[in-house]
Each structure stands twice: as C-alpha cells, then as structure tokens.
Amino acid sequence: MRRARRTAVQPASRAFTMAELTGVPTGAPTAVATAEPTAAPMVEPMVAVTAEPTAGLTEVPMAEPTEAARCEDSSYRIQDSGVETDAGVLETRLIDIGREKFASEIWGRAPLLTRRAGTFADLFSVEAVDELISRRGLRTPFLRVAKDGTTLPDSSFTSPGGVGATISDQLDDTMLWRNLADGATLVLQALHRTWEPISQFGTALSDELGHPVQVNAYITPPRNQGFCHHYDVHDVFVVQIEGTKRWVIHEPVHPAPLRNQPWTDHRPAVARAATEPACIDTVLEPGDCLYLPRGWIHAAEARGEISIHLTVGIHTWTRHALAEHLTRAALTALGDDPEMRGALPVGIDDPDDEITAVREHLIAALAEADATSLFHRARREQARPAPLGPLAQFAAVHDLGPDTTVKLRSALYARLEGSHLVTRVGRVAVADDELPSVTRLLDGGSHPTKTLGTDLVERLLRAGILVPAEQ
C-alpha cells in the first residue's frame, strides 16, 4: 500500500474506493478521533516512557499483508514525491502535503504515510548502529532489548567496563550480537543525545513543531516482532532506514492518551481491537515515513531482512498541561490568602459549605492566574541546548576581540523577561543599555563583538549562552 490518511474535513484530491484498495468489503468504519495533545513531562525523557507490550498480552498473528488499507474510508491516499524545498525539516524530510495542511488536517488526528524516493542515510545507517554499540561505550538506558513482547533484563546484554572503569552496565557487543541472532529487537534510545546528525535533526524539528522531540532506533532481525499491539502516549514519525517492515494499525480505543494513561490501562480493549480489520496494513521501505498520533494501536514486523527504523517521538504539549500550570499558579496565589490558609472548623462533619467557599476562591484565583512563566520555564527545562565544547569556549573567551563573531547557542529557548535574558542554562541580568544588543542576538544570526559590546559578549560566553559563530 502506498497511501496516507487524512481527516475527513475535506475529500482527498485522489480518493481510492475500497474496491480499488483491497477488492474486498469491510465492516463499518469507526470514527477518527480528534486528538487533544497530552501533558509533557517537566524534564527531558532519557528513554521512551511509553509502556511497552509485555508478556501476557494476547498477540494477534500477523498474516501476510494485504495490498492496502482496511478501513472503509476514502481519505487514505498516496503521497509520492522526492522534491526538496526551502521549507523546514517537517516538509523536506517527513511529510509531503505541506505544513499548513498537515497542521490543520492531520496533526493529532489521523495517520499519514508518505513515500519518498530519497533515503535517510544521512541521519542513520547500519554503520551507525555498529559504531554506537561496539565503539562508543554506551550504557543503559541508552539501549534496551525486546523479544516476543517482553523487555529483557539489562544483565542479558551488559557487562563491566573493564580495567580503569568502575562501570557495571556497559553494552556488551558480543551479548547483543547473540540476542540479535536469536531474534531480539535492539532499541537504541535517545539518539538525539548520542548521534550528532539525529541531534541536529531533532533540534530543528522540535523548534519547528514547538514540542519536545526524542528519537529511538529499532533494529529488528528478519521475520521478527519486538513488541505486540500497543499504543504510544506521544505522537511519532516512523522513518524507515534499512530493510522493510510491515505495520498493522488500528484506530484508538482511548483517543489522545495522556502520559499517565499507558496502553496497559486498556489492555483488554487493545487486544480486542487488534483482532478487528486493520485501518492500515502496509510495508515501509527505506525513505518512507509514517506519522501516527498518540493512541493509535500498532504492531510491526520485519520482513525478509534486518529492519532499521527511527521512531521520532513528539512529546506534545496539551491543554491539559496548560490546565496544570494554571492550577499551580492559582494554588500559589491562594497560599498568600490568610483565609485560605485557615483551619476548618472544629468538629466539622459536613464540608459542603466549606467546599463551596473554596471553589469560589479557586475559580477567582484561576481567573487571575498567569501561567505564562510556568509554561515557558517547563519548556526550557524539558530539553537540552546544543552541545558546548568547554575547550572551544575557553579559547573563545581567551581570544575575544572586537572582530570576534558570536551567535546565540542553539536550542536555548532564550527570551527576554523584563531585565533578564532567560535560557535553558540560566538567567542573566541585562542592563538597559544592553537590551538592544540582546534583542539583536535573539534573531539567531551572527554578530561581531564590536556591535554588541565586549563586556556583554564576554559575560554571555562565560555563561554558555553565546558561542563562536563558526561553532
């Protein structure tokens, strides 16, 4: 199948009937759920927090794939193009329908499958897998191993680091090779922290979407399946790197799950849904990209060769997250109210009157609460800035001169809040006469020191906020 799903807001420009797609009738379609974004964690996830399928879940055998989607919905259609544009990484690497259409019709609502002529070899490869596993000295939790729906214990693929290293959980390449040969799936986690091309890609995508990004790689041997049917609590872009992998996808049983609502909370419903006709049943080839909103049930199986795919997880901010920040701000304000700090009456038995009074105070506090600073602080804390070389930074400070060109360090989420420059690496006080220079720096361009002020540049270099322009 070569198609992608769009929401039914508008008809597809080239709709396929079910006779064209499968040649067989299907049951009545289920509704496409409009996903409300979930709350994101307050710190950057080091590993995937989605609960993986475990032993005990009824696995539905994956019969040979049909040629097409299985939902009686003509909004599944093909996206074929290898055309690159000057747009961001979302349009040039992951989708083929344009940012605006993706945002209005697909984002958080429905799957989208995009076929491209190009590959993602510049991001990841077979050689990258071997490099990370055998030569980088990675430790858990940067890798996990799964087989038959179960995550294997760390002891099955780690060993001590050897002489001079008091490390007990370094990846053991021999043990990992044996696990792979035995049919296990290797999961390289948090590649946005360990592999530079993916780090740059993830940072650019996160900036473009406005949501944190995490990237894992799944290496599955032929004819094997790492995990049974399940859903994720974050959106994903599945990027096929090497080999082929069959994906079977069903609509949500719990649309738009929050991060504390894993698939295991709905295990029986997920198992039942997996026995029904699939909405998408397709094989991804190198260069293909599949977008899945959180909550969509899926299982994947490698075909006749080793499959490598990236899962680009989008940890979406949500209205629920904003509600949490508003509530927190309101409670802080109520803490300054002596009446609200007061004790309940002695011998209270029926709290209804008190609850009514507290509710009124809370509603009033919510109406006046400003959660903007809380929201921005949470966003700053959730990801890391671009890498900083301590020795290169030392040289930049030591050799600083009027012609030294500097720029704002990438992925700092920098902003002016009053008289302070606030970033992911701290707050710096800014004098009134320095505000124009700081404003120029926030444009993301490169600037010579003489146009900014030597004292300001040195202060921001020492704070790790500015870096040499060539870095």
Protein backbone atom coordinates (compact mmCIF):
# COMPACT_ATOMS: atom_id res chain seq x y z
CA MET A 1 0.00 0.00 0.00
CA ARG A 2 1.21 3.49 -0.81
CA ARG A 3 -1.14 5.87 0.96
CA ALA A 4 -1.60 8.28 3.79
CA ARG A 5 -4.64 9.08 5.82
CA ARG A 6 -6.21 12.49 6.07
CA THR A 7 -9.01 13.61 8.29
CA ALA A 8 -12.43 13.74 6.67
CA VAL A 9 -12.53 17.56 6.86
CA GLN A 10 -12.05 17.68 3.09
CA PRO A 11 -12.12 14.93 0.47
CA ALA A 12 -8.76 13.70 -0.79
CA SER A 13 -7.68 15.05 -4.14
CA ARG A 14 -7.43 11.47 -5.38
CA ALA A 15 -9.67 9.22 -3.33
CA PHE A 16 -9.50 5.45 -3.61
CA THR A 17 -12.55 3.27 -3.21
CA MET A 18 -12.26 0.12 -1.15
CA ALA A 19 -12.66 -1.93 -4.31
CA GLU A 20 -9.59 -0.18 -5.69
CA LEU A 21 -7.67 -0.65 -2.48
CA THR A 22 -8.46 -4.18 -1.41
CA GLY A 23 -11.07 -5.69 -3.66
CA VAL A 24 -12.92 -6.90 -0.57
CA PRO A 25 -15.68 -5.34 1.59
CA THR A 26 -15.00 -4.33 5.16
CA GLY A 27 -17.09 -3.68 8.21
CA ALA A 28 -18.41 -0.26 9.18
CA PRO A 29 -15.67 2.26 9.81
CA THR A 30 -15.01 3.61 13.24
CA ALA A 31 -14.74 7.30 13.86
CA VAL A 32 -11.46 9.10 13.61
CA ALA A 33 -10.77 10.64 16.98
CA THR A 34 -9.57 14.21 17.16
CA ALA A 35 -6.58 14.05 19.46
CA GLU A 36 -6.16 16.60 22.18
CA PRO A 37 -2.45 16.94 22.99
CA THR A 38 -1.17 15.42 26.22
CA ALA A 39 0.83 16.94 29.00
CA ALA A 40 4.57 16.73 28.54
CA PRO A 41 6.94 15.78 31.35
CA MET A 42 8.80 18.50 33.18
CA VAL A 43 12.21 17.09 32.31
CA GLU A 44 13.60 15.70 29.10
CA PRO A 45 12.87 11.98 28.81
CA MET A 46 16.08 9.99 28.58
CA VAL A 47 14.25 6.91 27.39
CA ALA A 48 10.86 6.19 25.94
CA VAL A 49 8.30 6.33 28.70
CA THR A 50 5.64 4.55 26.72
CA ALA A 51 4.78 1.25 28.34
CA GLU A 52 5.92 -1.48 26.00
CA PRO A 53 3.87 -4.59 25.44
CA THR A 54 4.73 -7.27 27.94
CA ALA A 55 4.18 -10.96 28.22
CA GLY A 56 0.55 -11.76 28.84
CA LEU A 57 -0.95 -9.60 26.12
CA THR A 58 -2.79 -11.68 23.57
CA GLU A 59 -0.79 -11.28 20.39
CA VAL A 60 -2.70 -11.32 17.15
CA PRO A 61 -0.78 -13.28 14.50
CA MET A 62 0.33 -11.05 11.65
CA ALA A 63 -0.81 -12.78 8.50
CA GLU A 64 0.61 -11.79 5.14
CA PRO A 65 -0.16 -8.13 4.45
CA THR A 66 -2.89 -7.07 2.14
CA GLU A 67 -2.03 -4.57 -0.59
CA ALA A 68 -3.94 -1.71 1.01
CA ALA A 69 -5.63 -0.07 3.94
CA ARG A 70 -8.52 -1.87 5.55
CA CYS A 71 -10.75 0.98 6.72
CA GLU A 72 -13.76 1.83 4.61
CA ASP A 73 -12.58 5.42 4.37
CA SER A 74 -11.52 7.03 1.13
CA SER A 75 -9.33 9.56 2.93
CA TYR A 76 -6.38 7.19 2.81
CA ARG A 77 -4.26 8.17 -0.16
CA ILE A 78 -0.77 8.07 -1.59
CA GLN A 79 1.86 10.75 -1.03
CA ASP A 80 4.68 10.38 -3.57
CA SER A 81 7.42 12.94 -4.02
CA GLY A 82 11.14 13.38 -3.71
CA VAL A 83 11.07 17.13 -4.19
CA GLU A 84 13.05 19.11 -1.63
CA THR A 85 12.13 22.71 -0.84
CA ASP A 86 13.41 25.55 1.28
CA ALA A 87 10.87 24.62 3.98
CA GLY A 88 11.78 23.16 7.36
CA VAL A 89 12.64 19.56 8.14
CA LEU A 90 8.97 18.66 8.61
CA GLU A 91 8.20 19.32 4.95
CA THR A 92 11.55 18.38 3.43
CA ARG A 93 12.07 15.13 5.33
CA LEU A 94 8.86 13.81 6.85
CA ILE A 95 5.66 14.87 5.07
CA ASP A 96 4.56 15.69 1.55
CA ILE A 97 1.33 17.64 1.90
CA GLY A 98 2.62 20.99 3.16
CA ARG A 99 2.94 22.26 6.70
CA GLU A 100 -0.39 24.09 6.79
CA LYS A 101 -2.43 21.13 5.56
CA PHE A 102 -0.60 18.80 7.92
CA ALA A 103 -1.28 21.16 10.85
CA SER A 104 -4.97 21.61 10.07
CA GLU A 105 -5.96 18.14 8.87
CA ILE A 106 -3.51 15.56 10.19
CA TRP A 107 -1.70 16.71 13.35
CA GLY A 108 -3.09 14.80 16.34
CA ARG A 109 -6.00 13.46 14.26
CA ALA A 110 -5.04 10.77 11.78
CA PRO A 111 -2.11 8.74 10.40
CA LEU A 112 -0.22 9.90 7.35
CA LEU A 113 2.02 7.71 5.20
CA THR A 114 4.47 9.47 2.90
CA ARG A 115 6.53 7.67 0.26
CA ARG A 116 9.74 9.32 -0.89
CA ALA A 117 12.32 8.43 -3.49
CA GLY A 118 15.20 9.53 -1.21
CA THR A 119 16.62 7.87 1.88
CA PHE A 120 17.56 8.92 5.37
CA ALA A 121 21.12 7.60 5.15
CA ASP A 122 22.50 10.97 6.25
CA LEU A 123 20.66 10.58 9.57
CA PHE A 124 21.36 6.95 10.42
CA SER A 125 22.66 3.70 8.94
CA VAL A 126 23.82 0.14 9.56
CA GLU A 127 27.30 1.51 10.21
CA ALA A 128 25.91 3.93 12.80
CA VAL A 129 24.31 1.05 14.70
CA ASP A 130 27.58 -0.88 14.84
CA GLU A 131 29.50 2.25 15.83
CA LEU A 132 27.19 3.06 18.72
CA ILE A 133 27.00 -0.48 20.04
CA SER A 134 30.63 -1.55 19.72
CA ARG A 135 32.77 1.60 19.98
CA ARG A 136 31.01 4.35 21.94
CA GLY A 137 30.94 2.74 25.38
CA LEU A 138 27.21 3.32 25.78
CA ARG A 139 25.49 2.24 28.99
CA THR A 140 21.90 1.57 29.89
CA PRO A 141 19.39 3.10 29.50
CA PHE A 142 20.72 4.13 26.08
CA LEU A 143 19.79 0.64 24.84
CA ARG A 144 17.17 -1.93 25.66
CA VAL A 145 16.38 -5.31 24.15
CA ALA A 146 12.93 -6.80 23.48
CA LYS A 147 11.81 -10.22 22.34
CA ASP A 148 8.35 -11.75 21.99
CA GLY A 149 6.70 -8.72 23.56
CA THR A 150 8.95 -8.68 26.62
CA THR A 151 11.77 -6.32 27.52
CA LEU A 152 14.83 -8.35 28.52
CA PRO A 153 16.77 -7.61 31.73
CA ASP A 154 19.84 -5.37 31.40
CA SER A 155 22.06 -8.20 32.61
CA SER A 156 21.34 -10.06 29.36
CA PHE A 157 23.27 -7.52 27.28
CA THR A 158 25.62 -5.58 29.61
CA SER A 159 28.91 -6.32 31.35
CA PRO A 160 31.60 -4.47 33.35
CA GLY A 161 33.60 -1.82 31.53
CA GLY A 162 36.97 -3.42 32.24
CA VAL A 163 40.22 -2.12 33.72
CA GLY A 164 40.11 1.52 34.79
CA ALA A 165 36.32 1.85 34.54
CA THR A 166 34.11 1.26 37.56
CA ILE A 167 31.15 0.60 35.29
CA SER A 168 28.94 -2.46 35.56
CA ASP A 169 26.35 -1.79 32.86
CA GLN A 170 28.27 -1.04 29.66
CA LEU A 171 26.83 -2.51 26.49
CA ASP A 172 28.38 -5.87 25.65
CA ASP A 173 28.58 -6.20 21.87
CA THR A 174 29.02 -9.99 21.98
CA MET A 175 25.92 -10.48 24.10
CA LEU A 176 23.96 -8.08 21.91
CA TRP A 177 25.01 -9.94 18.78
CA ARG A 178 23.80 -13.21 20.31
CA ASN A 179 20.47 -11.63 21.28
CA LEU A 180 20.01 -10.21 17.77
CA ALA A 181 20.86 -13.56 16.19
CA ASP A 182 18.29 -15.15 18.50
CA GLY A 183 15.54 -12.89 17.16
CA ALA A 184 15.59 -9.99 19.65
CA THR A 185 14.98 -6.36 18.70
CA LEU A 186 17.64 -3.85 19.77
CA VAL A 187 16.37 -0.40 20.75
CA LEU A 188 18.92 2.41 20.72
CA GLN A 189 17.33 5.09 22.85
CA ALA A 190 17.73 8.87 23.00
CA LEU A 191 19.73 9.13 19.78
CA HIS A 192 19.11 12.87 19.92
CA ARG A 193 21.71 12.75 22.71
CA THR A 194 24.24 10.33 21.23
CA TRP A 195 24.30 10.70 17.42
CA GLU A 196 25.07 14.16 16.05
CA PRO A 197 23.10 14.04 12.74
CA ILE A 198 19.99 13.00 14.66
CA SER A 199 20.69 15.57 17.36
CA GLN A 200 20.68 18.35 14.77
CA PHE A 201 17.60 16.92 13.07
CA GLY A 202 15.71 16.56 16.35
CA THR A 203 16.57 20.08 17.47
CA ALA A 204 15.38 21.55 14.16
CA LEU A 205 12.14 19.56 14.24
CA SER A 206 11.46 20.48 17.87
CA ASP A 207 11.97 24.16 17.10
CA GLU A 208 9.62 23.89 14.13
CA LEU A 209 6.84 22.00 15.90
CA GLY A 210 7.16 23.73 19.24
CA HIS A 211 7.11 20.37 21.04
CA PRO A 212 9.97 18.28 22.51
CA VAL A 213 11.43 15.56 20.30
CA GLN A 214 13.01 12.23 21.20
CA VAL A 215 14.50 9.75 18.71
CA ASN A 216 14.97 5.99 19.15
CA ALA A 217 16.17 3.39 16.65
CA TYR A 218 14.67 -0.11 16.38
CA ILE A 219 16.82 -2.87 14.88
CA THR A 220 14.75 -5.98 14.22
CA PRO A 221 16.03 -9.23 12.67
CA PRO A 222 14.14 -10.83 9.75
CA ARG A 223 10.64 -12.17 10.38
CA ASN A 224 10.64 -10.96 13.98
CA GLN A 225 8.46 -8.63 16.01
CA GLY A 226 9.82 -6.78 19.01
CA PHE A 227 6.51 -5.67 20.54
CA CYS A 228 2.90 -6.78 20.34
CA HIS A 229 -0.02 -4.49 19.55
CA HIS A 230 0.05 -1.39 21.74
CA TYR A 231 -0.31 2.38 21.59
CA ASP A 232 2.09 5.18 22.48
CA VAL A 233 1.36 8.20 24.64
CA HIS A 234 3.23 10.52 22.29
CA ASP A 235 2.94 11.18 18.55
CA VAL A 236 5.54 9.50 16.35
CA PHE A 237 7.09 9.77 12.92
CA VAL A 238 8.33 6.32 11.89
CA VAL A 239 11.26 6.70 9.49
CA GLN A 240 12.41 3.57 7.66
CA ILE A 241 16.21 3.47 7.32
CA GLU A 242 17.15 -0.06 6.16
CA GLY A 243 15.21 -3.14 5.15
CA THR A 244 11.44 -3.35 5.21
CA LYS A 245 8.90 -3.60 7.99
CA ARG A 246 5.22 -4.37 7.95
CA TRP A 247 2.94 -2.14 10.03
CA VAL A 248 -0.58 -3.07 11.10
CA ILE A 249 -2.52 -0.16 12.58
CA HIS A 250 -5.91 0.09 14.30
CA GLU A 251 -7.86 3.11 15.50
CA PRO A 252 -7.66 4.18 19.15
CA VAL A 253 -9.60 2.62 21.97
CA HIS A 254 -8.56 5.54 24.18
CA PRO A 255 -8.05 8.60 21.97
CA ALA A 256 -5.34 11.12 22.82
CA PRO A 257 -3.96 9.40 25.93
CA LEU A 258 -2.10 11.46 28.49
CA ARG A 259 1.36 10.38 29.54
CA ASN A 260 -0.04 8.74 32.68
CA GLN A 261 -2.55 6.71 30.62
CA PRO A 262 -0.44 3.94 29.02
CA TRP A 263 -1.86 1.21 26.84
CA THR A 264 -1.64 -1.25 29.73
CA ASP A 265 -4.55 0.63 31.35
CA HIS A 266 -6.67 -0.57 28.41
CA ARG A 267 -5.05 -3.94 27.75
CA PRO A 268 -8.27 -5.92 27.05
CA ALA A 269 -9.63 -3.25 24.71
CA VAL A 270 -6.31 -3.07 22.84
CA ALA A 271 -6.28 -6.85 22.46
CA ARG A 272 -9.85 -6.84 21.11
CA ALA A 273 -9.12 -4.02 18.68
CA ALA A 274 -6.12 -5.92 17.33
CA THR A 275 -8.40 -8.77 16.22
CA GLU A 276 -10.52 -6.45 14.06
CA PRO A 277 -9.80 -5.40 10.46
CA ALA A 278 -6.84 -3.02 10.33
CA CYS A 279 -7.09 0.59 9.20
CA ILE A 280 -3.62 0.43 7.67
CA ASP A 281 -1.72 -2.70 6.71
CA THR A 282 1.41 -1.80 4.80
CA VAL A 283 5.14 -2.38 4.38
CA LEU A 284 7.52 0.51 4.90
CA GLU A 285 10.59 0.69 2.68
CA PRO A 286 13.72 2.86 3.05
CA GLY A 287 12.73 6.51 2.64
CA ASP A 288 9.13 6.02 3.81
CA CYS A 289 7.73 7.96 6.77
CA LEU A 290 4.62 7.10 8.77
CA TYR A 291 3.04 9.62 11.16
CA LEU A 292 0.93 8.17 13.97
CA PRO A 293 -0.90 10.30 16.54
CA ARG A 294 -0.73 9.05 20.10
CA GLY A 295 -3.28 6.41 20.94
CA TRP A 296 -3.29 4.65 17.55
CA ILE A 297 -2.74 0.93 18.07
CA HIS A 298 0.09 -0.62 16.09
CA ALA A 299 2.41 -3.59 15.73
CA ALA A 300 5.34 -4.01 13.36
CA GLU A 301 7.23 -7.00 11.97
CA ALA A 302 10.47 -7.09 9.97
CA ARG A 303 10.23 -8.73 6.57
CA GLY A 304 12.96 -10.79 4.88
CA GLU A 305 15.95 -8.75 6.05
CA ILE A 306 17.10 -6.81 9.10
CA SER A 307 14.96 -3.72 9.54
CA ILE A 308 16.17 -0.44 11.00
CA HIS A 309 13.73 2.35 11.61
CA LEU A 310 13.76 5.55 13.65
CA THR A 311 10.87 6.45 15.88
CA VAL A 312 10.78 10.20 16.22
CA GLY A 313 8.67 10.75 19.30
CA ILE A 314 6.87 14.08 19.68
CA HIS A 315 6.07 14.72 23.34
CA THR A 316 3.20 17.06 22.70
CA TRP A 317 2.19 19.94 24.94
CA THR A 318 -1.53 19.94 25.63
CA ARG A 319 -4.41 21.94 27.00
CA HIS A 320 -4.28 19.59 29.97
CA ALA A 321 -0.71 20.75 30.59
CA LEU A 322 -1.85 24.38 30.49
CA ALA A 323 -4.58 23.50 32.98
CA GLU A 324 -1.93 22.04 35.27
CA HIS A 325 0.12 25.24 35.08
CA LEU A 326 -2.94 27.43 35.67
CA THR A 327 -3.95 25.35 38.68
CA ARG A 328 -0.44 25.54 40.09
CA ALA A 329 -0.36 29.32 39.69
CA ALA A 330 -3.80 29.64 41.29
CA LEU A 331 -2.82 27.48 44.28
CA THR A 332 0.31 29.56 44.78
CA ALA A 333 -1.83 32.70 44.86
CA LEU A 334 -4.27 31.11 47.33
CA GLY A 335 -1.33 30.33 49.59
CA ASP A 336 -0.96 34.10 50.16
CA ASP A 337 -4.57 34.39 51.36
CA PRO A 338 -4.82 34.07 55.19
CA GLU A 339 -8.44 32.96 54.90
CA MET A 340 -7.49 30.07 52.63
CA ARG A 341 -4.67 29.08 54.98
CA GLY A 342 -7.12 28.92 57.87
CA ALA A 343 -8.15 25.68 59.54
CA LEU A 344 -11.55 24.11 59.01
CA PRO A 345 -13.97 24.42 61.97
CA VAL A 346 -13.61 22.13 64.96
CA GLY A 347 -15.73 19.02 64.70
CA ILE A 348 -16.60 19.58 61.04
CA ASP A 349 -18.70 16.76 59.71
CA ASP A 350 -20.35 18.13 56.57
CA PRO A 351 -17.77 20.08 54.46
CA ASP A 352 -20.21 21.14 51.73
CA ASP A 353 -20.30 24.81 52.74
CA GLU A 354 -16.52 24.94 53.02
CA ILE A 355 -16.09 23.26 49.65
CA THR A 356 -18.44 25.80 48.08
CA ALA A 357 -16.44 28.70 49.53
CA VAL A 358 -13.11 27.19 48.49
CA ARG A 359 -14.44 26.54 44.99
CA GLU A 360 -15.40 30.22 44.67
CA HIS A 361 -11.95 31.34 45.80
CA LEU A 362 -10.30 28.87 43.46
CA ILE A 363 -12.34 29.99 40.46
CA ALA A 364 -11.45 33.60 41.20
CA ALA A 365 -7.76 32.71 41.53
CA LEU A 366 -7.84 30.79 38.24
CA ALA A 367 -9.40 33.78 36.50
CA GLU A 368 -6.49 35.97 37.61
CA ALA A 369 -3.69 33.39 37.33
CA ASP A 370 -0.90 33.95 34.84
CA ALA A 371 0.73 30.65 33.97
CA THR A 372 2.86 32.04 31.13
CA SER A 373 6.11 32.00 33.09
CA LEU A 374 5.42 28.49 34.39
CA PHE A 375 4.76 27.25 30.86
CA HIS A 376 7.92 28.79 29.44
CA ARG A 377 10.01 27.50 32.34
CA ALA A 378 8.66 23.99 31.82
CA ARG A 379 9.52 24.18 28.11
CA ARG A 380 13.05 25.34 28.90
CA GLU A 381 13.55 22.50 31.36
CA GLN A 382 12.29 19.80 29.04
CA ALA A 383 15.14 19.67 26.55
CA ARG A 384 18.84 20.37 26.36
CA PRO A 385 20.65 23.10 24.43
CA ALA A 386 23.04 22.39 21.56
CA PRO A 387 26.37 20.81 22.55
CA LEU A 388 29.03 23.09 24.01
CA GLY A 389 32.76 22.29 23.79
CA PRO A 390 34.41 23.51 27.03
CA LEU A 391 37.84 23.90 25.44
CA ALA A 392 36.48 25.72 22.40
CA GLN A 393 34.55 28.00 24.74
CA PHE A 394 37.69 28.64 26.81
CA ALA A 395 39.54 29.63 23.65
CA ALA A 396 36.69 31.92 22.59
CA VAL A 397 36.85 33.82 25.87
CA HIS A 398 40.66 33.93 25.88
CA ASP A 399 40.91 35.19 22.28
CA LEU A 400 37.92 37.55 22.42
CA GLY A 401 38.39 40.72 20.41
CA PRO A 402 36.25 43.40 18.72
CA ASP A 403 36.15 41.42 15.46
CA THR A 404 35.19 38.12 17.10
CA THR A 405 31.86 36.97 15.66
CA VAL A 406 29.45 35.26 18.02
CA LYS A 407 25.94 33.85 17.94
CA LEU A 408 23.33 32.58 20.34
CA ARG A 409 23.84 28.94 21.24
CA SER A 410 21.22 26.80 19.52
CA ALA A 411 18.21 25.28 21.28
CA LEU A 412 18.49 27.56 24.31
CA TYR A 413 14.84 28.66 24.18
CA ALA A 414 16.13 32.13 25.02
CA ARG A 415 13.79 35.03 25.72
CA LEU A 416 13.83 38.41 27.44
CA GLU A 417 11.76 38.56 30.60
CA GLY A 418 11.94 42.11 31.86
CA SER A 419 15.59 42.91 32.57
CA HIS A 420 16.75 39.29 32.37
CA LEU A 421 17.80 37.05 29.49
CA VAL A 422 16.28 33.68 30.41
CA THR A 423 17.62 30.48 28.84
CA ARG A 424 17.86 26.76 29.41
CA VAL A 425 21.25 27.29 31.06
CA GLY A 426 20.24 30.09 33.42
CA ARG A 427 19.20 33.72 33.80
CA VAL A 428 21.47 36.68 33.14
CA ALA A 429 20.71 40.25 34.22
CA VAL A 430 20.79 42.73 31.34
CA ALA A 431 21.39 46.46 31.75
CA ASP A 432 19.06 48.89 30.00
CA ASP A 433 21.76 49.97 27.54
CA GLU A 434 22.42 46.29 26.68
CA LEU A 435 18.83 45.46 25.75
CA PRO A 436 19.20 46.46 22.06
CA SER A 437 22.24 44.18 21.70
CA VAL A 438 20.46 41.25 23.36
CA THR A 439 17.46 41.80 21.12
CA ARG A 440 19.75 41.57 18.07
CA LEU A 441 21.23 38.32 19.39
CA LEU A 442 17.76 36.81 19.69
CA ASP A 443 17.37 36.95 15.90
CA GLY A 444 19.63 33.89 15.76
CA GLY A 445 22.20 35.50 13.45
CA SER A 446 25.94 36.05 13.83
CA HIS A 447 27.20 39.38 15.14
CA PRO A 448 30.68 40.92 15.64
CA THR A 449 31.58 41.72 19.22
CA LYS A 450 32.18 45.40 18.46
CA THR A 451 28.50 45.87 17.61
CA LEU A 452 27.31 44.20 20.81
CA GLY A 453 29.76 45.31 23.47
CA THR A 454 32.78 43.37 24.70
CA ASP A 455 31.62 43.17 28.32
CA LEU A 456 28.23 41.74 27.34
CA VAL A 457 29.73 39.22 24.92
CA GLU A 458 32.29 38.00 27.45
CA ARG A 459 29.60 37.63 30.13
CA LEU A 460 27.38 35.61 27.82
CA LEU A 461 30.28 33.48 26.58
CA ARG A 462 31.20 32.64 30.16
CA ALA A 463 27.55 31.79 30.87
CA GLY A 464 27.47 29.36 27.93
CA ILE A 465 24.79 31.39 26.15
CA LEU A 466 26.91 32.69 23.28
CA VAL A 467 29.29 30.58 21.19
CA PRO A 468 31.76 31.39 18.38
CA ALA A 469 29.88 31.88 15.12
CA GLU A 470 31.83 29.11 13.39
CA GLN A 471 30.77 26.55 16.02
